[in-house]
């Protein structure tokens, strides 16, 4: 099952969750502001994946982020293109 890294404090994450509910997309939500373990899991992914390079250069966090079953990372507006 895909994972979505995000926070309930993030309007973009809430929009993504609403979109996924609408299209019936199944995923596990990892709330990075809920626990230190969740935050560390996300930071490891972010700090070891080239897909986040531009995000980090812009000083963004990088959420919402989808990690698919085949370890593909989907960020930004591309999340709302998932069918």
PDB file of N, CA and C in Angstrom:
ATOM      1  N   UNK A   1       0.854  -1.183   0.000  1.00  0.00           N
ATOM      2  CA  UNK A   1       0.000   0.000   0.000  1.00  0.00           C
ATOM      3  C   UNK A   1       0.895   1.240   0.000  1.00  0.00           C
ATOM      4  N   UNK A   2       0.501   2.234  -0.772  1.00  0.00           N
ATOM      5  CA  UNK A   2       1.231   3.493  -0.821  1.00  0.00           C
ATOM      6  C   UNK A   2       1.166   4.196   0.529  1.00  0.00           C
ATOM      7  N   UNK A   3       2.163   5.045   0.774  1.00  0.00           N
ATOM      8  CA  UNK A   3       2.180   5.866   1.982  1.00  0.00           C
ATOM      9  C   UNK A   3       2.103   7.329   1.581  1.00  0.00           C
ATOM     10  N   UNK A   4       1.360   8.092   2.342  1.00  0.00           N
ATOM     11  CA  UNK A   4       1.349   9.541   2.178  1.00  0.00           C
ATOM     12  C   UNK A   4       1.944  10.141   3.434  1.00  0.00           C
ATOM     13  N   UNK A   5       3.038  10.858   3.255  1.00  0.00           N
ATOM     14  CA  UNK A   5       3.639  11.599   4.363  1.00  0.00           C
ATOM     15  C   UNK A   5       3.050  12.997   4.336  1.00  0.00           C
ATOM     16  N   UNK A   6       2.563  13.439   5.491  1.00  0.00           N
ATOM     17  CA  UNK A   6       1.958  14.758   5.557  1.00  0.00           C
ATOM     18  C   UNK A   6       1.678  15.161   6.986  1.00  0.00           C
ATOM     19  N   UNK A   7       0.892  16.215   7.121  1.00  0.00           N
ATOM     20  CA  UNK A   7       0.512  16.731   8.427  1.00  0.00           C
ATOM     21  C   UNK A   7      -0.896  17.290   8.330  1.00  0.00           C
ATOM     22  N   UNK A   8      -1.643  17.130   9.399  1.00  0.00           N
ATOM     23  CA  UNK A   8      -2.979  17.711   9.446  1.00  0.00           C
ATOM     24  C   UNK A   8      -2.919  19.225   9.606  1.00  0.00           C
ATOM     25  N   UNK A   9      -1.729  19.774   9.797  1.00  0.00           N
ATOM     26  CA  UNK A   9      -1.522  21.213   9.883  1.00  0.00           C
ATOM     27  C   UNK A   9      -1.274  21.834   8.510  1.00  0.00           C
ATOM     28  N   UNK A  10      -1.151  21.010   7.488  1.00  0.00           N
ATOM     29  CA  UNK A  10      -0.778  21.433   6.140  1.00  0.00           C
ATOM     30  C   UNK A  10      -2.007  21.459   5.225  1.00  0.00           C
ATOM     31  N   UNK A  11      -2.397  22.636   4.722  1.00  0.00           N
ATOM     32  CA  UNK A  11      -3.560  22.708   3.835  1.00  0.00           C
ATOM     33  C   UNK A  11      -3.409  21.858   2.569  1.00  0.00           C
ATOM     34  N   UNK A  12      -2.215  21.766   2.021  1.00  0.00           N
ATOM     35  CA  UNK A  12      -2.001  20.944   0.821  1.00  0.00           C
ATOM     36  C   UNK A  12      -2.221  19.461   1.124  1.00  0.00           C
ATOM     37  N   UNK A  13      -1.846  19.033   2.311  1.00  0.00           N
ATOM     38  CA  UNK A  13      -2.050  17.638   2.709  1.00  0.00           C
ATOM     39  C   UNK A  13      -3.532  17.333   2.870  1.00  0.00           C
ATOM     40  N   UNK A  14      -4.256  18.254   3.444  1.00  0.00           N
ATOM     41  CA  UNK A  14      -5.699  18.072   3.610  1.00  0.00           C
ATOM     42  C   UNK A  14      -6.379  18.011   2.247  1.00  0.00           C
ATOM     43  N   UNK A  15      -5.953  18.872   1.319  1.00  0.00           N
ATOM     44  CA  UNK A  15      -6.502  18.848  -0.041  1.00  0.00           C
ATOM     45  C   UNK A  15      -6.215  17.504  -0.708  1.00  0.00           C
ATOM     46  N   UNK A  16      -5.002  16.997  -0.535  1.00  0.00           N
ATOM     47  CA  UNK A  16      -4.634  15.702  -1.120  1.00  0.00           C
ATOM     48  C   UNK A  16      -5.494  14.584  -0.527  1.00  0.00           C
ATOM     49  N   UNK A  17      -5.703  14.602   0.780  1.00  0.00           N
ATOM     50  CA  UNK A  17      -6.536  13.581   1.418  1.00  0.00           C
ATOM     51  C   UNK A  17      -7.968  13.628   0.883  1.00  0.00           C
ATOM     52  N   UNK A  18      -8.505  14.816   0.708  1.00  0.00           N
ATOM     53  CA  UNK A  18      -9.859  14.944   0.164  1.00  0.00           C
ATOM     54  C   UNK A  18      -9.917  14.406  -1.265  1.00  0.00           C
ATOM     55  N   UNK A  19      -8.896  14.698  -2.050  1.00  0.00           N
ATOM     56  CA  UNK A  19      -8.835  14.193  -3.421  1.00  0.00           C
ATOM     57  C   UNK A  19      -8.779  12.669  -3.437  1.00  0.00           C
ATOM     58  N   UNK A  20      -7.930  12.091  -2.575  1.00  0.00           N
ATOM     59  CA  UNK A  20      -7.801  10.635  -2.533  1.00  0.00           C
ATOM     60  C   UNK A  20      -9.108   9.968  -2.107  1.00  0.00           C
ATOM     61  N   UNK A  21      -9.812  10.601  -1.193  1.00  0.00           N
ATOM     62  CA  UNK A  21     -11.106  10.054  -0.775  1.00  0.00           C
ATOM     63  C   UNK A  21     -12.081  10.059  -1.956  1.00  0.00           C
ATOM     64  N   UNK A  22     -12.050  11.145  -2.726  1.00  0.00           N
ATOM     65  CA  UNK A  22     -12.938  11.290  -3.879  1.00  0.00           C
ATOM     66  C   UNK A  22     -12.670  10.221  -4.943  1.00  0.00           C
ATOM     67  N   UNK A  23     -11.390   9.900  -5.172  1.00  0.00           N
ATOM     68  CA  UNK A  23     -11.062   8.919  -6.217  1.00  0.00           C
ATOM     69  C   UNK A  23     -10.886   7.506  -5.656  1.00  0.00           C
ATOM     70  N   UNK A  24     -11.128   7.363  -4.339  1.00  0.00           N
ATOM     71  CA  UNK A  24     -11.019   6.069  -3.665  1.00  0.00           C
ATOM     72  C   UNK A  24      -9.607   5.483  -3.753  1.00  0.00           C
ATOM     73  N   UNK A  25      -8.599   6.328  -3.554  1.00  0.00           N
ATOM     74  CA  UNK A  25      -7.192   5.917  -3.574  1.00  0.00           C
ATOM     75  C   UNK A  25      -6.819   5.421  -2.175  1.00  0.00           C
ATOM     76  N   UNK A  26      -6.314   4.210  -2.105  1.00  0.00           N
ATOM     77  CA  UNK A  26      -5.953   3.602  -0.823  1.00  0.00           C
ATOM     78  C   UNK A  26      -4.496   3.904  -0.490  1.00  0.00           C
ATOM     79  N   UNK A  27      -4.264   4.354   0.732  1.00  0.00           N
ATOM     80  CA  UNK A  27      -2.921   4.708   1.182  1.00  0.00           C
ATOM     81  C   UNK A  27      -2.881   4.691   2.707  1.00  0.00           C
ATOM     82  N   UNK A  28      -1.674   4.637   3.217  1.00  0.00           N
ATOM     83  CA  UNK A  28      -1.463   4.763   4.662  1.00  0.00           C
ATOM     84  C   UNK A  28      -0.979   6.182   4.920  1.00  0.00           C
ATOM     85  N   UNK A  29      -1.646   6.900   5.807  1.00  0.00           N
ATOM     86  CA  UNK A  29      -1.258   8.266   6.125  1.00  0.00           C
ATOM     87  C   UNK A  29      -0.242   8.260   7.263  1.00  0.00           C
ATOM     88  N   UNK A  30       0.909   8.847   7.008  1.00  0.00           N
ATOM     89  CA  UNK A  30       1.946   8.994   8.026  1.00  0.00           C
ATOM     90  C   UNK A  30       1.985  10.471   8.422  1.00  0.00           C
ATOM     91  N   UNK A  31       1.451  10.774   9.590  1.00  0.00           N
ATOM     92  CA  UNK A  31       1.390  12.154  10.079  1.00  0.00           C
ATOM     93  C   UNK A  31       2.738  12.499  10.719  1.00  0.00           C
ATOM     94  N   UNK A  32       3.524  13.323  10.019  1.00  0.00           N
ATOM     95  CA  UNK A  32       4.885  13.604  10.491  1.00  0.00           C
ATOM     96  C   UNK A  32       4.913  14.511  11.718  1.00  0.00           C
ATOM     97  N   UNK A  33       3.795  15.149  12.046  1.00  0.00           N
ATOM     98  CA  UNK A  33       3.748  15.991  13.240  1.00  0.00           C
ATOM     99  C   UNK A  33       3.112  15.276  14.429  1.00  0.00           C
ATOM    100  N   UNK A  34       2.826  13.993  14.246  1.00  0.00           N
ATOM    101  CA  UNK A  34       2.183  13.224  15.316  1.00  0.00           C
ATOM    102  C   UNK A  34       3.201  12.569  16.255  1.00  0.00           C
ATOM    103  N   UNK A  35       4.342  12.157  15.684  1.00  0.00           N
ATOM    104  CA  UNK A  35       5.337  11.493  16.529  1.00  0.00           C
ATOM    105  C   UNK A  35       6.738  11.702  15.963  1.00  0.00           C
ATOM    106  N   UNK A  36       7.705  11.595  16.817  1.00  0.00           N
ATOM    107  CA  UNK A  36       9.095  11.726  16.405  1.00  0.00           C
ATOM    108  C   UNK A  36       9.480  10.591  15.461  1.00  0.00           C
ATOM    109  N   UNK A  37       8.934   9.404  15.688  1.00  0.00           N
ATOM    110  CA  UNK A  37       9.211   8.259  14.814  1.00  0.00           C
ATOM    111  C   UNK A  37       8.744   8.541  13.381  1.00  0.00           C
ATOM    112  N   UNK A  38       7.544   9.094  13.238  1.00  0.00           N
ATOM    113  CA  UNK A  38       7.025   9.430  11.909  1.00  0.00           C
ATOM    114  C   UNK A  38       7.869  10.512  11.239  1.00  0.00           C
ATOM    115  N   UNK A  39       8.257  11.517  12.009  1.00  0.00           N
ATOM    116  CA  UNK A  39       9.086  12.589  11.476  1.00  0.00           C
ATOM    117  C   UNK A  39      10.438  12.054  11.014  1.00  0.00           C
ATOM    118  N   UNK A  40      11.054  11.193  11.802  1.00  0.00           N
ATOM    119  CA  UNK A  40      12.349  10.617  11.428  1.00  0.00           C
ATOM    120  C   UNK A  40      12.235   9.764  10.166  1.00  0.00           C
ATOM    121  N   UNK A  41      11.155   9.002  10.049  1.00  0.00           N
ATOM    122  CA  UNK A  41      10.933   8.175   8.859  1.00  0.00           C
ATOM    123  C   UNK A  41      10.870   9.057   7.612  1.00  0.00           C
ATOM    124  N   UNK A  42      10.108  10.165   7.705  1.00  0.00           N
ATOM    125  CA  UNK A  42       9.995  11.071   6.571  1.00  0.00           C
ATOM    126  C   UNK A  42      11.328  11.766   6.274  1.00  0.00           C
ATOM    127  N   UNK A  43      12.006  12.253   7.295  1.00  0.00           N
ATOM    128  CA  UNK A  43      13.269  12.966   7.076  1.00  0.00           C
ATOM    129  C   UNK A  43      14.323  12.065   6.448  1.00  0.00           C
ATOM    130  N   UNK A  44      14.334  10.795   6.819  1.00  0.00           N
ATOM    131  CA  UNK A  44      15.271   9.855   6.194  1.00  0.00           C
ATOM    132  C   UNK A  44      14.968   9.732   4.700  1.00  0.00           C
ATOM    133  N   UNK A  45      13.694   9.583   4.369  1.00  0.00           N
ATOM    134  CA  UNK A  45      13.289   9.500   2.963  1.00  0.00           C
ATOM    135  C   UNK A  45      13.690  10.772   2.229  1.00  0.00           C
ATOM    136  N   UNK A  46      13.368  11.913   2.812  1.00  0.00           N
ATOM    137  CA  UNK A  46      13.658  13.199   2.171  1.00  0.00           C
ATOM    138  C   UNK A  46      15.157  13.429   1.992  1.00  0.00           C
ATOM    139  N   UNK A  47      15.915  13.068   2.990  1.00  0.00           N
ATOM    140  CA  UNK A  47      17.348  13.364   2.953  1.00  0.00           C
ATOM    141  C   UNK A  47      18.154  12.374   2.133  1.00  0.00           C
ATOM    142  N   UNK A  48      17.536  11.264   1.718  1.00  0.00           N
ATOM    143  CA  UNK A  48      18.263  10.265   0.940  1.00  0.00           C
ATOM    144  C   UNK A  48      17.706  10.095  -0.482  1.00  0.00           C
ATOM    145  N   UNK A  49      16.749  10.935  -0.869  1.00  0.00           N
ATOM    146  CA  UNK A  49      16.114  10.802  -2.187  1.00  0.00           C
ATOM    147  C   UNK A  49      16.347  12.063  -3.014  1.00  0.00           C
ATOM    148  N   UNK A  50      16.861  11.878  -4.221  1.00  0.00           N
ATOM    149  CA  UNK A  50      17.170  13.006  -5.104  1.00  0.00           C
ATOM    150  C   UNK A  50      15.921  13.790  -5.505  1.00  0.00           C
ATOM    151  N   UNK A  51      14.752  13.153  -5.440  1.00  0.00           N
ATOM    152  CA  UNK A  51      13.509  13.822  -5.808  1.00  0.00           C
ATOM    153  C   UNK A  51      13.243  15.061  -4.946  1.00  0.00           C
ATOM    154  N   UNK A  52      13.838  15.125  -3.781  1.00  0.00           N
ATOM    155  CA  UNK A  52      13.611  16.241  -2.862  1.00  0.00           C
ATOM    156  C   UNK A  52      14.633  17.367  -3.014  1.00  0.00           C
ATOM    157  N   UNK A  53      15.615  17.218  -3.904  1.00  0.00           N
ATOM    158  CA  UNK A  53      16.681  18.216  -4.008  1.00  0.00           C
ATOM    159  C   UNK A  53      16.148  19.621  -4.263  1.00  0.00           C
ATOM    160  N   UNK A  54      15.264  19.767  -5.243  1.00  0.00           N
ATOM    161  CA  UNK A  54      14.711  21.087  -5.555  1.00  0.00           C
ATOM    162  C   UNK A  54      13.868  21.618  -4.398  1.00  0.00           C
ATOM    163  N   UNK A  55      13.102  20.730  -3.783  1.00  0.00           N
ATOM    164  CA  UNK A  55      12.257  21.109  -2.634  1.00  0.00           C
ATOM    165  C   UNK A  55      13.131  21.682  -1.516  1.00  0.00           C
ATOM    166  N   UNK A  56      14.226  21.000  -1.220  1.00  0.00           N
ATOM    167  CA  UNK A  56      15.122  21.460  -0.150  1.00  0.00           C
ATOM    168  C   UNK A  56      15.795  22.769  -0.529  1.00  0.00           C
ATOM    169  N   UNK A  57      16.164  22.932  -1.810  1.00  0.00           N
ATOM    170  CA  UNK A  57      16.766  24.187  -2.263  1.00  0.00           C
ATOM    171  C   UNK A  57      15.819  25.361  -2.061  1.00  0.00           C
ATOM    172  N   UNK A  58      14.525  25.105  -2.226  1.00  0.00           N
ATOM    173  CA  UNK A  58      13.513  26.146  -2.040  1.00  0.00           C
ATOM    174  C   UNK A  58      13.141  26.330  -0.563  1.00  0.00           C
ATOM    175  N   UNK A  59      13.751  25.519   0.307  1.00  0.00           N
ATOM    176  CA  UNK A  59      13.495  25.559   1.759  1.00  0.00           C
ATOM    177  C   UNK A  59      12.071  25.134   2.113  1.00  0.00           C
ATOM    178  N   UNK A  60      11.497  24.240   1.265  1.00  0.00           N
ATOM    179  CA  UNK A  60      10.196  23.652   1.553  1.00  0.00           C
ATOM    180  C   UNK A  60      10.392  22.355   2.334  1.00  0.00           C
ATOM    181  N   UNK A  61       9.329  21.878   2.952  1.00  0.00           N
ATOM    182  CA  UNK A  61       9.390  20.638   3.722  1.00  0.00           C
ATOM    183  C   UNK A  61       9.315  19.421   2.812  1.00  0.00           C
ATOM    184  N   UNK A  62       8.395  19.458   1.848  1.00  0.00           N
ATOM    185  CA  UNK A  62       8.258  18.329   0.935  1.00  0.00           C
ATOM    186  C   UNK A  62       7.022  17.489   1.181  1.00  0.00           C
ATOM    187  N   UNK A  63       6.034  18.071   1.865  1.00  0.00           N
ATOM    188  CA  UNK A  63       4.770  17.367   2.062  1.00  0.00           C
ATOM    189  C   UNK A  63       3.673  18.138   1.354  1.00  0.00           C
ATOM    190  N   UNK A  64       2.673  17.468   0.872  1.00  0.00           N
ATOM    191  CA  UNK A  64       2.457  16.029   0.912  1.00  0.00           C
ATOM    192  C   UNK A  64       3.411  15.292  -0.016  1.00  0.00           C
ATOM    193  N   UNK A  65       3.695  14.069   0.367  1.00  0.00           N
ATOM    194  CA  UNK A  65       4.589  13.203  -0.397  1.00  0.00           C
ATOM    195  C   UNK A  65       3.974  11.812  -0.433  1.00  0.00           C
ATOM    196  N   UNK A  66       3.933  11.243  -1.640  1.00  0.00           N
ATOM    197  CA  UNK A  66       3.454   9.868  -1.789  1.00  0.00           C
ATOM    198  C   UNK A  66       4.650   8.975  -2.092  1.00  0.00           C
ATOM    199  N   UNK A  67       4.751   7.886  -1.365  1.00  0.00           N
ATOM    200  CA  UNK A  67       5.716   6.830  -1.652  1.00  0.00           C
ATOM    201  C   UNK A  67       4.901   5.627  -2.103  1.00  0.00           C
ATOM    202  N   UNK A  68       5.021   5.285  -3.392  1.00  0.00           N
ATOM    203  CA  UNK A  68       4.215   4.202  -3.954  1.00  0.00           C
ATOM    204  C   UNK A  68       4.791   2.841  -3.560  1.00  0.00           C
ATOM    205  N   UNK A  69       4.030   1.806  -3.859  1.00  0.00           N
ATOM    206  CA  UNK A  69       4.458   0.439  -3.559  1.00  0.00           C
ATOM    207  C   UNK A  69       5.783   0.092  -4.229  1.00  0.00           C
ATOM    208  N   UNK A  70       6.032   0.693  -5.396  1.00  0.00           N
ATOM    209  CA  UNK A  70       7.282   0.416  -6.110  1.00  0.00           C
ATOM    210  C   UNK A  70       8.357   1.476  -5.829  1.00  0.00           C
ATOM    211  N   UNK A  71       8.213   2.172  -4.685  1.00  0.00           N
ATOM    212  CA  UNK A  71       9.185   3.159  -4.186  1.00  0.00           C
ATOM    213  C   UNK A  71       9.346   4.381  -5.076  1.00  0.00           C
ATOM    214  N   UNK A  72       8.322   4.719  -5.836  1.00  0.00           N
ATOM    215  CA  UNK A  72       8.324   5.961  -6.601  1.00  0.00           C
ATOM    216  C   UNK A  72       7.828   7.071  -5.685  1.00  0.00           C
ATOM    217  N   UNK A  73       8.477   8.229  -5.770  1.00  0.00           N
ATOM    218  CA  UNK A  73       8.096   9.371  -4.945  1.00  0.00           C
ATOM    219  C   UNK A  73       7.332  10.366  -5.808  1.00  0.00           C
ATOM    220  N   UNK A  74       6.163  10.765  -5.326  1.00  0.00           N
ATOM    221  CA  UNK A  74       5.325  11.739  -6.027  1.00  0.00           C
ATOM    222  C   UNK A  74       5.153  12.943  -5.112  1.00  0.00           C
ATOM    223  N   UNK A  75       5.451  14.117  -5.648  1.00  0.00           N
ATOM    224  CA  UNK A  75       5.424  15.349  -4.858  1.00  0.00           C
ATOM    225  C   UNK A  75       4.593  16.429  -5.533  1.00  0.00           C
ATOM    226  N   UNK A  76       4.237  17.433  -4.757  1.00  0.00           N
ATOM    227  CA  UNK A  76       3.609  18.633  -5.287  1.00  0.00           C
ATOM    228  C   UNK A  76       2.318  18.378  -6.024  1.00  0.00           C
ATOM    229  N   UNK A  77       2.105  19.156  -7.093  1.00  0.00           N
ATOM    230  CA  UNK A  77       0.869  19.070  -7.857  1.00  0.00           C
ATOM    231  C   UNK A  77       0.683  17.718  -8.544  1.00  0.00           C
ATOM    232  N   UNK A  78       1.769  16.970  -8.712  1.00  0.00           N
ATOM    233  CA  UNK A  78       1.662  15.644  -9.343  1.00  0.00           C
ATOM    234  C   UNK A  78       0.798  14.704  -8.512  1.00  0.00           C
ATOM    235  N   UNK A  79       0.682  14.968  -7.223  1.00  0.00           N
ATOM    236  CA  UNK A  79      -0.154  14.133  -6.356  1.00  0.00           C
ATOM    237  C   UNK A  79      -1.614  14.194  -6.811  1.00  0.00           C
ATOM    238  N   UNK A  80      -2.048  15.368  -7.267  1.00  0.00           N
ATOM    239  CA  UNK A  80      -3.445  15.514  -7.676  1.00  0.00           C
ATOM    240  C   UNK A  80      -3.686  14.979  -9.077  1.00  0.00           C
ATOM    241  N   UNK A  81      -2.660  14.370  -9.689  1.00  0.00           N
ATOM    242  CA  UNK A  81      -2.811  13.730 -10.998  1.00  0.00           C
ATOM    243  C   UNK A  81      -2.938  12.213 -10.872  1.00  0.00           C
ATOM    244  N   UNK A  82      -2.837  11.709  -9.655  1.00  0.00           N
ATOM    245  CA  UNK A  82      -2.992  10.268  -9.430  1.00  0.00           C
ATOM    246  C   UNK A  82      -4.428   9.885  -9.753  1.00  0.00           C
ATOM    247  N   UNK A  83      -4.585   8.808 -10.474  1.00  0.00           N
ATOM    248  CA  UNK A  83      -5.936   8.340 -10.847  1.00  0.00           C
ATOM    249  C   UNK A  83      -6.256   7.039 -10.154  1.00  0.00           C
TER     250      UNK A  83
END
